Amino acid sequence: MTAIAMDIAKMVDMLPESEQRLAHEVLKRLVLAWDPDFEKVTPEEANRIAAAEADEFVVESDVNWDDLTQY
């Protein structure tokens, strides 16, 4: 979690519960306006995806599923 996100969480936590619900609805609308289909990725997620794509892939047929102790 970024420092800004943690700061937002701390501020919201200081509010009374009714105001927390209001803040939650406002934030939810902001996120949905930014990405209504939840398809965008954050910079951190993009880095994780890039790292995974740069890593080696294992072909399923190369795995001996009856003896996984060798891996």
N, C-alpha and C. Protein backbone atom coordinates (compact mmCIF):
# COMPACT_ATOMS: atom_id res chain seq x y z
N MET A 1 0.85 -1.16 0.00
CA MET A 1 0.00 0.00 0.00
C MET A 1 0.90 1.23 0.00
N THR A 2 0.56 2.20 -0.82
CA THR A 2 1.36 3.42 -0.89
C THR A 2 1.17 4.26 0.37
N ALA A 3 2.07 5.20 0.56
CA ALA A 3 1.99 6.09 1.72
C ALA A 3 0.71 6.93 1.66
N ILE A 4 0.33 7.34 0.47
CA ILE A 4 -0.89 8.14 0.32
C ILE A 4 -2.11 7.31 0.71
N ALA A 5 -2.16 6.07 0.25
CA ALA A 5 -3.30 5.20 0.58
C ALA A 5 -3.38 4.96 2.09
N MET A 6 -2.22 4.77 2.72
CA MET A 6 -2.21 4.57 4.17
C MET A 6 -2.67 5.84 4.89
N ASP A 7 -2.26 6.99 4.37
CA ASP A 7 -2.69 8.26 4.97
C ASP A 7 -4.20 8.44 4.85
N ILE A 8 -4.74 8.09 3.69
CA ILE A 8 -6.20 8.17 3.49
C ILE A 8 -6.90 7.24 4.47
N ALA A 9 -6.40 6.01 4.60
CA ALA A 9 -7.01 5.04 5.51
C ALA A 9 -6.99 5.56 6.95
N LYS A 10 -5.88 6.17 7.36
CA LYS A 10 -5.79 6.71 8.73
C LYS A 10 -6.79 7.84 8.94
N MET A 11 -6.92 8.71 7.95
CA MET A 11 -7.86 9.82 8.08
C MET A 11 -9.30 9.33 8.16
N VAL A 12 -9.63 8.37 7.29
CA VAL A 12 -10.99 7.83 7.30
C VAL A 12 -11.27 7.12 8.62
N ASP A 13 -10.27 6.46 9.18
CA ASP A 13 -10.44 5.75 10.44
C ASP A 13 -10.75 6.70 11.60
N MET A 14 -10.35 7.96 11.48
CA MET A 14 -10.63 8.94 12.54
C MET A 14 -12.08 9.41 12.53
N LEU A 15 -12.76 9.21 11.42
CA LEU A 15 -14.14 9.70 11.28
C LEU A 15 -15.13 8.81 12.02
N PRO A 16 -16.27 9.39 12.39
CA PRO A 16 -17.36 8.55 12.94
C PRO A 16 -17.83 7.57 11.86
N GLU A 17 -18.46 6.50 12.27
CA GLU A 17 -18.85 5.43 11.35
C GLU A 17 -19.73 5.95 10.21
N SER A 18 -20.66 6.84 10.51
CA SER A 18 -21.54 7.36 9.45
C SER A 18 -20.74 8.12 8.39
N GLU A 19 -19.74 8.86 8.82
CA GLU A 19 -18.89 9.59 7.87
C GLU A 19 -17.96 8.64 7.12
N GLN A 20 -17.57 7.54 7.77
CA GLN A 20 -16.75 6.53 7.10
C GLN A 20 -17.53 5.92 5.94
N ARG A 21 -18.82 5.66 6.17
CA ARG A 21 -19.66 5.11 5.10
C ARG A 21 -19.74 6.09 3.93
N LEU A 22 -19.88 7.37 4.24
CA LEU A 22 -19.93 8.38 3.19
C LEU A 22 -18.61 8.42 2.42
N ALA A 23 -17.49 8.40 3.12
CA ALA A 23 -16.18 8.41 2.47
C ALA A 23 -16.01 7.17 1.60
N HIS A 24 -16.50 6.05 2.09
CA HIS A 24 -16.42 4.79 1.34
C HIS A 24 -17.18 4.92 0.02
N GLU A 25 -18.37 5.47 0.07
CA GLU A 25 -19.17 5.63 -1.15
C GLU A 25 -18.49 6.59 -2.13
N VAL A 26 -17.91 7.67 -1.63
CA VAL A 26 -17.23 8.63 -2.50
C VAL A 26 -16.03 7.96 -3.17
N LEU A 27 -15.23 7.25 -2.38
CA LEU A 27 -14.06 6.57 -2.95
C LEU A 27 -14.46 5.50 -3.95
N LYS A 28 -15.52 4.77 -3.63
CA LYS A 28 -15.99 3.73 -4.55
C LYS A 28 -16.41 4.35 -5.89
N ARG A 29 -17.08 5.50 -5.84
CA ARG A 29 -17.49 6.17 -7.08
C ARG A 29 -16.28 6.67 -7.87
N LEU A 30 -15.27 7.15 -7.15
CA LEU A 30 -14.05 7.60 -7.84
C LEU A 30 -13.38 6.44 -8.55
N VAL A 31 -13.27 5.31 -7.88
CA VAL A 31 -12.62 4.14 -8.49
C VAL A 31 -13.43 3.64 -9.67
N LEU A 32 -14.74 3.57 -9.53
CA LEU A 32 -15.58 3.10 -10.63
C LEU A 32 -15.54 4.07 -11.81
N ALA A 33 -15.42 5.37 -11.55
CA ALA A 33 -15.31 6.34 -12.63
C ALA A 33 -13.98 6.17 -13.37
N TRP A 34 -12.95 5.84 -12.62
CA TRP A 34 -11.62 5.65 -13.21
C TRP A 34 -11.54 4.35 -13.98
N ASP A 35 -12.17 3.29 -13.46
CA ASP A 35 -12.09 1.97 -14.08
C ASP A 35 -13.38 1.20 -13.84
N PRO A 36 -14.41 1.47 -14.62
CA PRO A 36 -15.72 0.85 -14.38
C PRO A 36 -15.75 -0.67 -14.51
N ASP A 37 -14.82 -1.23 -15.27
CA ASP A 37 -14.81 -2.69 -15.47
C ASP A 37 -13.71 -3.39 -14.68
N PHE A 38 -13.00 -2.63 -13.83
CA PHE A 38 -11.90 -3.19 -13.04
C PHE A 38 -10.87 -3.88 -13.94
N GLU A 39 -10.53 -3.24 -15.07
CA GLU A 39 -9.58 -3.82 -16.01
C GLU A 39 -8.21 -3.16 -15.95
N LYS A 40 -8.13 -1.96 -15.41
CA LYS A 40 -6.84 -1.26 -15.35
C LYS A 40 -5.98 -1.86 -14.25
N VAL A 41 -4.69 -1.69 -14.39
CA VAL A 41 -3.78 -2.17 -13.36
C VAL A 41 -3.02 -0.99 -12.77
N THR A 42 -2.65 -1.14 -11.53
CA THR A 42 -1.83 -0.12 -10.87
C THR A 42 -0.40 -0.27 -11.35
N PRO A 43 0.45 0.74 -11.11
CA PRO A 43 1.86 0.60 -11.49
C PRO A 43 2.51 -0.63 -10.83
N GLU A 44 2.16 -0.90 -9.59
CA GLU A 44 2.72 -2.08 -8.90
C GLU A 44 2.27 -3.36 -9.60
N GLU A 45 0.99 -3.44 -9.95
CA GLU A 45 0.49 -4.63 -10.65
C GLU A 45 1.15 -4.77 -12.02
N ALA A 46 1.37 -3.65 -12.72
CA ALA A 46 2.03 -3.70 -14.02
C ALA A 46 3.44 -4.24 -13.89
N ASN A 47 4.15 -3.84 -12.83
CA ASN A 47 5.50 -4.36 -12.60
C ASN A 47 5.47 -5.86 -12.33
N ARG A 48 4.49 -6.30 -11.54
CA ARG A 48 4.39 -7.74 -11.24
C ARG A 48 4.06 -8.54 -12.49
N ILE A 49 3.21 -8.00 -13.35
CA ILE A 49 2.85 -8.69 -14.59
C ILE A 49 4.08 -8.78 -15.50
N ALA A 50 4.80 -7.65 -15.62
CA ALA A 50 6.00 -7.64 -16.46
C ALA A 50 7.04 -8.64 -15.96
N ALA A 51 7.22 -8.70 -14.64
CA ALA A 51 8.18 -9.65 -14.07
C ALA A 51 7.75 -11.09 -14.35
N ALA A 52 6.47 -11.35 -14.24
CA ALA A 52 5.97 -12.72 -14.50
C ALA A 52 6.14 -13.09 -15.97
N GLU A 53 5.89 -12.13 -16.85
CA GLU A 53 6.04 -12.42 -18.28
C GLU A 53 7.50 -12.61 -18.68
N ALA A 54 8.41 -11.96 -17.96
CA ALA A 54 9.84 -12.11 -18.26
C ALA A 54 10.42 -13.39 -17.68
N ASP A 55 9.70 -14.00 -16.75
CA ASP A 55 10.15 -15.23 -16.11
C ASP A 55 9.91 -16.40 -17.06
N GLU A 56 10.53 -17.52 -16.74
CA GLU A 56 10.33 -18.71 -17.55
C GLU A 56 8.97 -19.34 -17.28
N PHE A 57 8.41 -19.91 -18.32
CA PHE A 57 7.14 -20.60 -18.20
C PHE A 57 7.37 -22.10 -18.18
N VAL A 58 6.51 -22.81 -17.51
CA VAL A 58 6.59 -24.26 -17.45
C VAL A 58 5.46 -24.82 -18.29
N VAL A 59 5.80 -25.71 -19.18
CA VAL A 59 4.80 -26.37 -20.01
C VAL A 59 4.16 -27.46 -19.16
N GLU A 60 2.86 -27.46 -19.10
CA GLU A 60 2.14 -28.40 -18.23
C GLU A 60 2.49 -29.85 -18.53
N SER A 61 2.68 -30.17 -19.80
CA SER A 61 2.98 -31.57 -20.15
C SER A 61 4.37 -32.00 -19.66
N ASP A 62 5.24 -31.04 -19.32
CA ASP A 62 6.57 -31.37 -18.79
C ASP A 62 6.54 -31.70 -17.30
N VAL A 63 5.43 -31.49 -16.64
CA VAL A 63 5.33 -31.72 -15.20
C VAL A 63 4.84 -33.14 -14.95
N ASN A 64 5.53 -33.84 -14.07
CA ASN A 64 5.09 -35.16 -13.67
C ASN A 64 4.15 -34.98 -12.48
N TRP A 65 2.87 -34.92 -12.73
CA TRP A 65 1.88 -34.62 -11.70
C TRP A 65 1.76 -35.75 -10.68
N ASP A 66 2.25 -36.94 -11.02
CA ASP A 66 2.19 -38.05 -10.07
C ASP A 66 3.35 -38.03 -9.08
N ASP A 67 4.39 -37.23 -9.36
CA ASP A 67 5.54 -37.15 -8.46
C ASP A 67 6.06 -35.70 -8.43
N LEU A 68 5.42 -34.89 -7.60
CA LEU A 68 5.80 -33.47 -7.52
C LEU A 68 6.98 -33.24 -6.59
N THR A 69 7.50 -34.29 -5.96
CA THR A 69 8.62 -34.12 -5.03
C THR A 69 9.90 -33.72 -5.75
N GLN A 70 9.97 -33.95 -7.04
CA GLN A 70 11.19 -33.62 -7.79
C GLN A 70 11.28 -32.13 -8.14
N TYR A 71 10.28 -31.37 -7.82
CA TYR A 71 10.29 -29.94 -8.18
C TYR A 71 10.59 -29.08 -6.98
